[in-house]
Amino acid sequence: SEWLYQDTPERRIVPDSLWHAAQAKKAARGGPRPHEKRKHKYLLSGLI
């Protein structure tokens, strides 16, 4: 809510269609946040 957004089209590198396609795929692939994951999923997690 405190972020400031400003349009600067002269700095665009990625075409609009490609940008939105990537964001849609990233949203579809999104998984649980690291802090939501189980810490030791396996017996020797983090030791090997």
All heavy atoms as atom14 arrays in JSON, in Angstrom:
{
  "sequence": "SEWLYQDTPERRIVPDSLWHAAQAKKAARGGPRPHEKRKHKYLLSGLI",
  "atom14_mask": [
    [1, 1, 1, 1, 1, 1, 0, 0, 0, 0, 0, 0, 0, 0],
    [1, 1, 1, 1, 1, 1, 1, 1, 1, 0, 0, 0, 0, 0],
    [1, 1, 1, 1, 1, 1, 1, 1, 1, 1, 1, 1, 1, 1],
    [1, 1, 1, 1, 1, 1, 1, 1, 0, 0, 0, 0, 0, 0],
    [1, 1, 1, 1, 1, 1, 1, 1, 1, 1, 1, 1, 0, 0],
    [1, 1, 1, 1, 1, 1, 1, 1, 1, 0, 0, 0, 0, 0],
    [1, 1, 1, 1, 1, 1, 1, 1, 0, 0, 0, 0, 0, 0],
    [1, 1, 1, 1, 1, 1, 1, 0, 0, 0, 0, 0, 0, 0],
    [1, 1, 1, 1, 1, 1, 1, 0, 0, 0, 0, 0, 0, 0],
    [1, 1, 1, 1, 1, 1, 1, 1, 1, 0, 0, 0, 0, 0],
    [1, 1, 1, 1, 1, 1, 1, 1, 1, 1, 1, 0, 0, 0],
    [1, 1, 1, 1, 1, 1, 1, 1, 1, 1, 1, 0, 0, 0],
    [1, 1, 1, 1, 1, 1, 1, 1, 0, 0, 0, 0, 0, 0],
    [1, 1, 1, 1, 1, 1, 1, 0, 0, 0, 0, 0, 0, 0],
    [1, 1, 1, 1, 1, 1, 1, 0, 0, 0, 0, 0, 0, 0],
    [1, 1, 1, 1, 1, 1, 1, 1, 0, 0, 0, 0, 0, 0],
    [1, 1, 1, 1, 1, 1, 0, 0, 0, 0, 0, 0, 0, 0],
    [1, 1, 1, 1, 1, 1, 1, 1, 0, 0, 0, 0, 0, 0],
    [1, 1, 1, 1, 1, 1, 1, 1, 1, 1, 1, 1, 1, 1],
    [1, 1, 1, 1, 1, 1, 1, 1, 1, 1, 0, 0, 0, 0],
    [1, 1, 1, 1, 1, 0, 0, 0, 0, 0, 0, 0, 0, 0],
    [1, 1, 1, 1, 1, 0, 0, 0, 0, 0, 0, 0, 0, 0],
    [1, 1, 1, 1, 1, 1, 1, 1, 1, 0, 0, 0, 0, 0],
    [1, 1, 1, 1, 1, 0, 0, 0, 0, 0, 0, 0, 0, 0],
    [1, 1, 1, 1, 1, 1, 1, 1, 1, 0, 0, 0, 0, 0],
    [1, 1, 1, 1, 1, 1, 1, 1, 1, 0, 0, 0, 0, 0],
    [1, 1, 1, 1, 1, 0, 0, 0, 0, 0, 0, 0, 0, 0],
    [1, 1, 1, 1, 1, 0, 0, 0, 0, 0, 0, 0, 0, 0],
    [1, 1, 1, 1, 1, 1, 1, 1, 1, 1, 1, 0, 0, 0],
    [1, 1, 1, 1, 0, 0, 0, 0, 0, 0, 0, 0, 0, 0],
    [1, 1, 1, 1, 0, 0, 0, 0, 0, 0, 0, 0, 0, 0],
    [1, 1, 1, 1, 1, 1, 1, 0, 0, 0, 0, 0, 0, 0],
    [1, 1, 1, 1, 1, 1, 1, 1, 1, 1, 1, 0, 0, 0],
    [1, 1, 1, 1, 1, 1, 1, 0, 0, 0, 0, 0, 0, 0],
    [1, 1, 1, 1, 1, 1, 1, 1, 1, 1, 0, 0, 0, 0],
    [1, 1, 1, 1, 1, 1, 1, 1, 1, 0, 0, 0, 0, 0],
    [1, 1, 1, 1, 1, 1, 1, 1, 1, 0, 0, 0, 0, 0],
    [1, 1, 1, 1, 1, 1, 1, 1, 1, 1, 1, 0, 0, 0],
    [1, 1, 1, 1, 1, 1, 1, 1, 1, 0, 0, 0, 0, 0],
    [1, 1, 1, 1, 1, 1, 1, 1, 1, 1, 0, 0, 0, 0],
    [1, 1, 1, 1, 1, 1, 1, 1, 1, 0, 0, 0, 0, 0],
    [1, 1, 1, 1, 1, 1, 1, 1, 1, 1, 1, 1, 0, 0],
    [1, 1, 1, 1, 1, 1, 1, 1, 0, 0, 0, 0, 0, 0],
    [1, 1, 1, 1, 1, 1, 1, 1, 0, 0, 0, 0, 0, 0],
    [1, 1, 1, 1, 1, 1, 0, 0, 0, 0, 0, 0, 0, 0],
    [1, 1, 1, 1, 0, 0, 0, 0, 0, 0, 0, 0, 0, 0],
    [1, 1, 1, 1, 1, 1, 1, 1, 0, 0, 0, 0, 0, 0],
    [1, 1, 1, 1, 1, 1, 1, 1, 0, 0, 0, 0, 0, 0]
  ],
  "atom14_positions": [
    [[0.82, -1.21, 0.0], [0.0, 0.0, 0.0], [0.86, 1.26, 0.0], [0.38, 2.35, -0.35], [-0.92, 0.0, 1.22], [-0.17, -0.06, 2.43], [0.0, 0.0, 0.0], [0.0, 0.0, 0.0], [0.0, 0.0, 0.0], [0.0, 0.0, 0.0], [0.0, 0.0, 0.0], [0.0, 0.0, 0.0], [0.0, 0.0, 0.0], [0.0, 0.0, 0.0]],
    [[2.14, 1.15, 0.38], [3.04, 2.3, 0.42], [3.89, 2.41, -0.84], [4.68, 3.36, -0.96], [3.94, 2.21, 1.66], [3.17, 2.25, 2.98], [4.09, 2.16, 4.18], [5.33, 2.19, 3.99], [3.59, 2.05, 5.31], [0.0, 0.0, 0.0], [0.0, 0.0, 0.0], [0.0, 0.0, 0.0], [0.0, 0.0, 0.0], [0.0, 0.0, 0.0]],
    [[3.77, 1.47, -1.77], [4.57, 1.51, -2.99], [4.07, 2.63, -3.9], [2.87, 2.94, -3.95], [4.51, 0.19, -3.73], [5.15, -0.96, -2.98], [5.64, -0.94, -1.7], [5.35, -2.28, -3.46], [6.12, -2.17, -1.36], [5.96, -3.02, -2.41], [5.07, -2.92, -4.65], [6.3, -4.35, -2.55], [5.41, -4.26, -4.79], [6.02, -4.97, -3.76]],
    [[4.98, 3.2, -4.66], [4.64, 4.26, -5.61], [4.89, 3.74, -7.03], [6.0, 3.28, -7.35], [5.5, 5.51, -5.35], [5.33, 6.67, -6.32], [3.9, 7.19, -6.29], [6.31, 7.79, -5.99], [0.0, 0.0, 0.0], [0.0, 0.0, 0.0], [0.0, 0.0, 0.0], [0.0, 0.0, 0.0], [0.0, 0.0, 0.0], [0.0, 0.0, 0.0]],
    [[3.86, 3.81, -7.87], [3.95, 3.34, -9.24], [3.95, 4.53, -10.2], [3.17, 5.47, -10.02], [2.76, 2.43, -9.59], [2.7, 1.15, -8.78], [2.09, 1.13, -7.53], [3.25, -0.03, -9.26], [2.03, -0.04, -6.78], [3.18, -1.21, -8.52], [2.57, -1.2, -7.29], [2.52, -2.35, -6.55], [0.0, 0.0, 0.0], [0.0, 0.0, 0.0]],
    [[4.81, 4.49, -11.21], [4.87, 5.56, -12.2], [5.13, 4.94, -13.58], [6.09, 4.19, -13.75], [6.0, 6.55, -11.86], [6.12, 7.7, -12.82], [4.92, 8.64, -12.78], [4.35, 8.87, -11.71], [4.51, 9.15, -13.93], [0.0, 0.0, 0.0], [0.0, 0.0, 0.0], [0.0, 0.0, 0.0], [0.0, 0.0, 0.0], [0.0, 0.0, 0.0]],
    [[4.27, 5.25, -14.54], [4.46, 4.75, -15.91], [5.69, 5.39, -16.53], [5.82, 6.62, -16.57], [3.23, 5.05, -16.76], [2.04, 4.19, -16.37], [2.26, 3.08, -15.85], [0.89, 4.63, -16.58], [0.0, 0.0, 0.0], [0.0, 0.0, 0.0], [0.0, 0.0, 0.0], [0.0, 0.0, 0.0], [0.0, 0.0, 0.0], [0.0, 0.0, 0.0]],
    [[6.59, 4.54, -17.04], [7.78, 5.01, -17.77], [7.93, 4.14, -19.02], [8.81, 3.28, -19.1], [9.04, 4.9, -16.89], [9.08, 3.58, -16.28], [9.04, 5.94, -15.79], [0.0, 0.0, 0.0], [0.0, 0.0, 0.0], [0.0, 0.0, 0.0], [0.0, 0.0, 0.0], [0.0, 0.0, 0.0], [0.0, 0.0, 0.0], [0.0, 0.0, 0.0]],
    [[7.05, 4.33, -20.01], [7.02, 3.46, -21.19], [8.31, 3.47, -21.98], [8.61, 2.49, -22.69], [5.86, 4.04, -22.02], [5.66, 5.43, -21.5], [6.03, 5.39, -20.07], [0.0, 0.0, 0.0], [0.0, 0.0, 0.0], [0.0, 0.0, 0.0], [0.0, 0.0, 0.0], [0.0, 0.0, 0.0], [0.0, 0.0, 0.0], [0.0, 0.0, 0.0]],
    [[9.1, 4.53, -21.88], [10.36, 4.6, -22.63], [11.38, 3.57, -22.14], [12.37, 3.28, -22.82], [10.95, 6.01, -22.55], [11.48, 6.43, -21.2], [10.39, 6.94, -20.25], [9.19, 6.89, -20.63], [10.72, 7.38, -19.13], [0.0, 0.0, 0.0], [0.0, 0.0, 0.0], [0.0, 0.0, 0.0], [0.0, 0.0, 0.0], [0.0, 0.0, 0.0]],
    [[11.12, 3.0, -20.96], [12.05, 2.01, -20.41], [11.56, 0.57, -20.62], [12.18, -0.37, -20.12], [12.26, 2.26, -18.9], [12.93, 3.59, -18.61], [13.11, 3.81, -17.13], [13.52, 5.2, -16.88], [13.22, 5.89, -15.79], [12.51, 5.31, -14.84], [13.63, 7.13, -15.64], [0.0, 0.0, 0.0], [0.0, 0.0, 0.0], [0.0, 0.0, 0.0]],
    [[10.48, 0.41, -21.32], [9.95, -0.95, -21.54], [10.95, -1.77, -22.36], [11.47, -1.33, -23.38], [8.62, -0.88, -22.29], [8.0, -2.26, -22.53], [6.81, -2.19, -23.48], [5.72, -1.43, -22.89], [4.79, -1.96, -22.11], [4.85, -3.26, -21.82], [3.83, -1.23, -21.63], [0.0, 0.0, 0.0], [0.0, 0.0, 0.0], [0.0, 0.0, 0.0]],
    [[11.19, -2.99, -21.89], [12.07, -3.94, -22.59], [11.27, -5.12, -23.12], [11.51, -5.62, -24.22], [13.2, -4.42, -21.66], [14.25, -3.31, -21.48], [13.86, -5.69, -22.19], [15.39, -3.69, -20.56], [0.0, 0.0, 0.0], [0.0, 0.0, 0.0], [0.0, 0.0, 0.0], [0.0, 0.0, 0.0], [0.0, 0.0, 0.0], [0.0, 0.0, 0.0]],
    [[10.3, -5.58, -22.33], [9.51, -6.77, -22.68], [8.16, -6.33, -23.25], [7.46, -5.52, -22.63], [9.29, -7.65, -21.43], [8.45, -8.88, -21.77], [10.64, -8.08, -20.84], [0.0, 0.0, 0.0], [0.0, 0.0, 0.0], [0.0, 0.0, 0.0], [0.0, 0.0, 0.0], [0.0, 0.0, 0.0], [0.0, 0.0, 0.0], [0.0, 0.0, 0.0]],
    [[7.76, -6.86, -24.41], [6.45, -6.52, -24.97], [5.33, -6.84, -23.99], [5.43, -7.8, -23.2], [6.37, -7.39, -26.23], [7.78, -7.68, -26.59], [8.53, -7.75, -25.29], [0.0, 0.0, 0.0], [0.0, 0.0, 0.0], [0.0, 0.0, 0.0], [0.0, 0.0, 0.0], [0.0, 0.0, 0.0], [0.0, 0.0, 0.0], [0.0, 0.0, 0.0]],
    [[4.25, -6.08, -24.05], [3.16, -6.21, -23.09], [2.57, -7.62, -23.08], [2.31, -8.19, -22.02], [2.07, -5.18, -23.41], [1.05, -5.06, -22.28], [1.44, -4.66, -21.16], [-0.13, -5.4, -22.5], [0.0, 0.0, 0.0], [0.0, 0.0, 0.0], [0.0, 0.0, 0.0], [0.0, 0.0, 0.0], [0.0, 0.0, 0.0], [0.0, 0.0, 0.0]],
    [[2.35, -8.19, -24.27], [1.75, -9.53, -24.35], [2.66, -10.58, -23.71], [2.19, -11.48, -22.99], [1.47, -9.9, -25.8], [2.68, -9.86, -26.56], [0.0, 0.0, 0.0], [0.0, 0.0, 0.0], [0.0, 0.0, 0.0], [0.0, 0.0, 0.0], [0.0, 0.0, 0.0], [0.0, 0.0, 0.0], [0.0, 0.0, 0.0], [0.0, 0.0, 0.0]],
    [[3.97, -10.48, -23.94], [4.92, -11.44, -23.37], [4.99, -11.26, -21.85], [5.06, -12.25, -21.11], [6.3, -11.22, -24.0], [7.42, -12.15, -23.52], [7.06, -13.61, -23.79], [8.74, -11.8, -24.21], [0.0, 0.0, 0.0], [0.0, 0.0, 0.0], [0.0, 0.0, 0.0], [0.0, 0.0, 0.0], [0.0, 0.0, 0.0], [0.0, 0.0, 0.0]],
    [[4.95, -10.02, -21.39], [4.98, -9.76, -19.95], [3.8, -10.42, -19.24], [3.96, -11.13, -18.25], [4.99, -8.25, -19.69], [4.75, -7.89, -18.25], [3.56, -7.6, -17.67], [5.72, -7.8, -17.2], [3.7, -7.32, -16.33], [5.03, -7.44, -16.01], [7.09, -7.98, -17.15], [5.68, -7.26, -14.8], [7.74, -7.81, -15.92], [7.04, -7.46, -14.78]],
    [[2.59, -10.18, -19.75], [1.39, -10.71, -19.09], [1.32, -12.24, -19.2], [0.82, -12.89, -18.28], [0.14, -10.07, -19.69], [-0.04, -8.64, -19.28], [-0.33, -8.26, -18.0], [0.05, -7.48, -20.0], [-0.42, -6.95, -17.9], [-0.19, -6.44, -19.12], [0.0, 0.0, 0.0], [0.0, 0.0, 0.0], [0.0, 0.0, 0.0], [0.0, 0.0, 0.0]],
    [[1.82, -12.79, -20.29], [1.87, -14.26, -20.41], [2.79, -14.86, -19.35], [2.47, -15.89, -18.74], [2.34, -14.65, -21.81], [0.0, 0.0, 0.0], [0.0, 0.0, 0.0], [0.0, 0.0, 0.0], [0.0, 0.0, 0.0], [0.0, 0.0, 0.0], [0.0, 0.0, 0.0], [0.0, 0.0, 0.0], [0.0, 0.0, 0.0], [0.0, 0.0, 0.0]],
    [[3.92, -14.2, -19.11], [4.85, -14.69, -18.09], [4.25, -14.57, -16.69], [4.4, -15.48, -15.86], [6.16, -13.91, -18.17], [0.0, 0.0, 0.0], [0.0, 0.0, 0.0], [0.0, 0.0, 0.0], [0.0, 0.0, 0.0], [0.0, 0.0, 0.0], [0.0, 0.0, 0.0], [0.0, 0.0, 0.0], [0.0, 0.0, 0.0], [0.0, 0.0, 0.0]],
    [[3.56, -13.46, -16.41], [2.94, -13.29, -15.09], [1.85, -14.32, -14.85], [1.69, -14.83, -13.74], [2.37, -11.87, -14.93], [3.4, -10.75, -15.12], [4.68, -10.97, -14.34], [4.67, -11.14, -13.13], [5.81, -10.97, -15.06], [0.0, 0.0, 0.0], [0.0, 0.0, 0.0], [0.0, 0.0, 0.0], [0.0, 0.0, 0.0], [0.0, 0.0, 0.0]],
    [[1.07, -14.62, -15.91], [0.0, -15.63, -15.78], [0.6, -17.0, -15.5], [0.1, -17.75, -14.65], [-0.84, -15.65, -17.05], [0.0, 0.0, 0.0], [0.0, 0.0, 0.0], [0.0, 0.0, 0.0], [0.0, 0.0, 0.0], [0.0, 0.0, 0.0], [0.0, 0.0, 0.0], [0.0, 0.0, 0.0], [0.0, 0.0, 0.0], [0.0, 0.0, 0.0]],
    [[1.69, -17.34, -16.19], [2.33, -18.65, -15.96], [2.94, -18.71, -14.57], [2.86, -19.74, -13.9], [3.39, -18.9, -17.03], [4.06, -20.27, -16.92], [4.95, -20.56, -18.11], [4.14, -20.92, -19.33], [3.48, -22.24, -19.21], [0.0, 0.0, 0.0], [0.0, 0.0, 0.0], [0.0, 0.0, 0.0], [0.0, 0.0, 0.0], [0.0, 0.0, 0.0]],
    [[3.51, -17.6, -14.13], [4.11, -17.59, -12.8], [3.04, -17.74, -11.72], [3.24, -18.43, -10.72], [4.9, -16.3, -12.59], [5.74, -16.31, -11.34], [6.9, -15.36, -11.45], [7.79, -15.45, -10.22], [8.42, -16.76, -10.06], [0.0, 0.0, 0.0], [0.0, 0.0, 0.0], [0.0, 0.0, 0.0], [0.0, 0.0, 0.0], [0.0, 0.0, 0.0]],
    [[1.9, -17.1, -11.91], [0.8, -17.22, -10.95], [0.29, -18.66, -10.91], [-0.05, -19.18, -9.84], [-0.32, -16.26, -11.3], [0.0, 0.0, 0.0], [0.0, 0.0, 0.0], [0.0, 0.0, 0.0], [0.0, 0.0, 0.0], [0.0, 0.0, 0.0], [0.0, 0.0, 0.0], [0.0, 0.0, 0.0], [0.0, 0.0, 0.0], [0.0, 0.0, 0.0]],
    [[0.23, -19.31, -12.1], [-0.26, -20.69, -12.16], [0.71, -21.65, -11.5], [0.31, -22.65, -10.91], [-0.48, -21.09, -13.62], [0.0, 0.0, 0.0], [0.0, 0.0, 0.0], [0.0, 0.0, 0.0], [0.0, 0.0, 0.0], [0.0, 0.0, 0.0], [0.0, 0.0, 0.0], [0.0, 0.0, 0.0], [0.0, 0.0, 0.0], [0.0, 0.0, 0.0]],
    [[2.01, -21.34, -11.6], [3.02, -22.22, -11.02], [3.24, -21.96, -9.53], [3.95, -22.69, -8.87], [4.37, -22.01, -11.72], [4.48, -22.68, -13.07], [5.86, -22.46, -13.64], [6.05, -23.22, -14.87], [7.16, -23.18, -15.61], [8.17, -22.41, -15.22], [7.26, -23.88, -16.71], [0.0, 0.0, 0.0], [0.0, 0.0, 0.0], [0.0, 0.0, 0.0]],
    [[2.67, -20.88, -9.03], [2.94, -20.48, -7.65], [2.63, -21.58, -6.66], [1.59, -22.23, -6.72], [0.0, 0.0, 0.0], [0.0, 0.0, 0.0], [0.0, 0.0, 0.0], [0.0, 0.0, 0.0], [0.0, 0.0, 0.0], [0.0, 0.0, 0.0], [0.0, 0.0, 0.0], [0.0, 0.0, 0.0], [0.0, 0.0, 0.0], [0.0, 0.0, 0.0]],
    [[3.54, -21.78, -5.73], [3.35, -22.79, -4.68], [3.36, -22.15, -3.32], [3.26, -20.93, -3.19], [0.0, 0.0, 0.0], [0.0, 0.0, 0.0], [0.0, 0.0, 0.0], [0.0, 0.0, 0.0], [0.0, 0.0, 0.0], [0.0, 0.0, 0.0], [0.0, 0.0, 0.0], [0.0, 0.0, 0.0], [0.0, 0.0, 0.0], [0.0, 0.0, 0.0]],
    [[3.43, -22.93, -2.3], [3.44, -22.38, -0.94], [4.68, -21.56, -0.67], [5.73, -21.81, -1.25], [3.42, -23.64, -0.05], [3.97, -24.72, -0.91], [3.55, -24.39, -2.31], [0.0, 0.0, 0.0], [0.0, 0.0, 0.0], [0.0, 0.0, 0.0], [0.0, 0.0, 0.0], [0.0, 0.0, 0.0], [0.0, 0.0, 0.0], [0.0, 0.0, 0.0]],
    [[4.56, -20.55, 0.16], [5.69, -19.73, 0.56], [6.65, -20.57, 1.4], [6.25, -21.54, 2.03], [5.23, -18.53, 1.39], [4.25, -17.64, 0.67], [4.92, -16.9, -0.48], [4.1, -15.82, -0.98], [3.16, -15.97, -1.9], [2.92, -17.15, -2.42], [2.46, -14.92, -2.3], [0.0, 0.0, 0.0], [0.0, 0.0, 0.0], [0.0, 0.0, 0.0]],
    [[7.95, -20.19, 1.41], [8.91, -20.99, 2.17], [8.52, -21.18, 3.63], [8.71, -22.25, 4.19], [10.2, -20.16, 2.04], [10.04, -19.42, 0.76], [8.56, -19.12, 0.66], [0.0, 0.0, 0.0], [0.0, 0.0, 0.0], [0.0, 0.0, 0.0], [0.0, 0.0, 0.0], [0.0, 0.0, 0.0], [0.0, 0.0, 0.0], [0.0, 0.0, 0.0]],
    [[7.93, -20.13, 4.27], [7.61, -20.27, 5.7], [6.39, -21.15, 5.91], [6.08, -21.53, 7.04], [7.37, -18.89, 6.32], [6.18, -18.17, 5.76], [6.25, -17.38, 4.64], [4.88, -18.14, 6.15], [5.06, -16.86, 4.38], [4.21, -17.31, 5.28], [0.0, 0.0, 0.0], [0.0, 0.0, 0.0], [0.0, 0.0, 0.0], [0.0, 0.0, 0.0]],
    [[5.66, -21.48, 4.8], [4.5, -22.35, 4.94], [4.88, -23.82, 4.77], [4.08, -24.69, 5.01], [3.44, -21.97, 3.89], [2.88, -20.56, 4.09], [2.0, -20.14, 2.93], [1.93, -20.92, 1.94], [1.39, -19.08, 2.99], [0.0, 0.0, 0.0], [0.0, 0.0, 0.0], [0.0, 0.0, 0.0], [0.0, 0.0, 0.0], [0.0, 0.0, 0.0]],
    [[6.1, -24.07, 4.28], [6.51, -25.43, 4.02], [6.96, -26.11, 5.31], [7.41, -25.47, 6.25], [7.66, -25.45, 3.0], [7.24, -24.93, 1.63], [8.4, -24.99, 0.68], [8.01, -24.48, -0.7], [9.14, -24.5, -1.64], [0.0, 0.0, 0.0], [0.0, 0.0, 0.0], [0.0, 0.0, 0.0], [0.0, 0.0, 0.0], [0.0, 0.0, 0.0]],
    [[6.87, -27.42, 5.29], [7.32, -28.2, 6.42], [8.83, -28.14, 6.5], [9.52, -28.3, 5.5], [6.87, -29.64, 6.19], [6.91, -30.52, 7.42], [6.3, -31.85, 7.05], [6.48, -32.83, 8.08], [6.19, -34.1, 7.9], [5.71, -34.51, 6.74], [6.36, -34.96, 8.88], [0.0, 0.0, 0.0], [0.0, 0.0, 0.0], [0.0, 0.0, 0.0]],
    [[9.37, -27.9, 7.69], [10.8, -27.65, 7.79], [11.64, -28.89, 7.49], [12.59, -28.82, 6.75], [11.13, -27.11, 9.18], [10.73, -25.65, 9.35], [11.32, -25.07, 10.61], [11.04, -23.58, 10.67], [11.61, -22.97, 11.88], [0.0, 0.0, 0.0], [0.0, 0.0, 0.0], [0.0, 0.0, 0.0], [0.0, 0.0, 0.0], [0.0, 0.0, 0.0]],
    [[11.32, -30.01, 8.1], [12.08, -31.24, 7.89], [11.16, -32.27, 7.24], [10.59, -33.13, 7.92], [12.65, -31.78, 9.2], [13.64, -30.85, 9.84], [14.7, -30.32, 9.16], [13.71, -30.36, 11.11], [15.39, -29.55, 9.96], [14.81, -29.55, 11.15], [0.0, 0.0, 0.0], [0.0, 0.0, 0.0], [0.0, 0.0, 0.0], [0.0, 0.0, 0.0]],
    [[11.03, -32.18, 5.92], [10.11, -33.06, 5.24], [10.6, -34.51, 5.26], [9.82, -35.44, 5.28], [9.92, -32.6, 3.79], [8.82, -33.32, 3.06], [8.58, -32.68, 1.7], [7.43, -33.36, 0.98], [7.17, -32.76, -0.34], [0.0, 0.0, 0.0], [0.0, 0.0, 0.0], [0.0, 0.0, 0.0], [0.0, 0.0, 0.0], [0.0, 0.0, 0.0]],
    [[11.92, -34.67, 5.23], [12.51, -36.0, 5.22], [13.41, -36.19, 6.45], [13.8, -35.2, 7.1], [13.31, -36.23, 3.93], [12.47, -36.05, 2.69], [12.53, -34.88, 1.95], [11.59, -37.05, 2.27], [11.75, -34.7, 0.83], [10.79, -36.88, 1.15], [10.88, -35.7, 0.43], [10.09, -35.53, -0.69], [0.0, 0.0, 0.0], [0.0, 0.0, 0.0]],
    [[13.72, -37.43, 6.73], [14.47, -37.77, 7.93], [15.8, -37.03, 8.02], [16.19, -36.55, 9.08], [14.72, -39.29, 7.96], [15.52, -39.83, 9.13], [14.76, -39.62, 10.42], [15.82, -41.31, 8.92], [0.0, 0.0, 0.0], [0.0, 0.0, 0.0], [0.0, 0.0, 0.0], [0.0, 0.0, 0.0], [0.0, 0.0, 0.0], [0.0, 0.0, 0.0]],
    [[16.49, -36.88, 6.87], [17.83, -36.28, 6.85], [17.85, -34.94, 6.13], [18.88, -34.51, 5.63], [18.82, -37.25, 6.2], [18.92, -38.64, 6.84], [19.83, -39.55, 6.06], [19.38, -38.53, 8.29], [0.0, 0.0, 0.0], [0.0, 0.0, 0.0], [0.0, 0.0, 0.0], [0.0, 0.0, 0.0], [0.0, 0.0, 0.0], [0.0, 0.0, 0.0]],
    [[16.71, -34.26, 6.08], [16.64, -32.96, 5.39], [17.66, -31.99, 5.97], [17.79, -31.83, 7.17], [15.24, -32.36, 5.55], [14.29, -33.12, 4.84], [0.0, 0.0, 0.0], [0.0, 0.0, 0.0], [0.0, 0.0, 0.0], [0.0, 0.0, 0.0], [0.0, 0.0, 0.0], [0.0, 0.0, 0.0], [0.0, 0.0, 0.0], [0.0, 0.0, 0.0]],
    [[18.41, -31.33, 5.06], [19.38, -30.32, 5.46], [20.71, -30.85, 5.94], [21.62, -30.06, 6.22], [0.0, 0.0, 0.0], [0.0, 0.0, 0.0], [0.0, 0.0, 0.0], [0.0, 0.0, 0.0], [0.0, 0.0, 0.0], [0.0, 0.0, 0.0], [0.0, 0.0, 0.0], [0.0, 0.0, 0.0], [0.0, 0.0, 0.0], [0.0, 0.0, 0.0]],
    [[20.87, -32.18, 6.02], [22.1, -32.76, 6.53], [23.02, -33.28, 5.43], [24.22, -33.45, 5.66], [21.79, -33.9, 7.5], [20.99, -33.55, 8.76], [20.69, -34.82, 9.56], [21.75, -32.55, 9.62], [0.0, 0.0, 0.0], [0.0, 0.0, 0.0], [0.0, 0.0, 0.0], [0.0, 0.0, 0.0], [0.0, 0.0, 0.0], [0.0, 0.0, 0.0]],
    [[22.49, -33.54, 4.24], [23.25, -34.21, 3.19], [23.95, -33.18, 2.3], [23.32, -32.23, 1.82], [22.34, -35.12, 2.34], [21.57, -36.08, 3.26], [23.16, -35.91, 1.32], [20.57, -36.95, 2.54], [0.0, 0.0, 0.0], [0.0, 0.0, 0.0], [0.0, 0.0, 0.0], [0.0, 0.0, 0.0], [0.0, 0.0, 0.0], [0.0, 0.0, 0.0]]
  ]
}
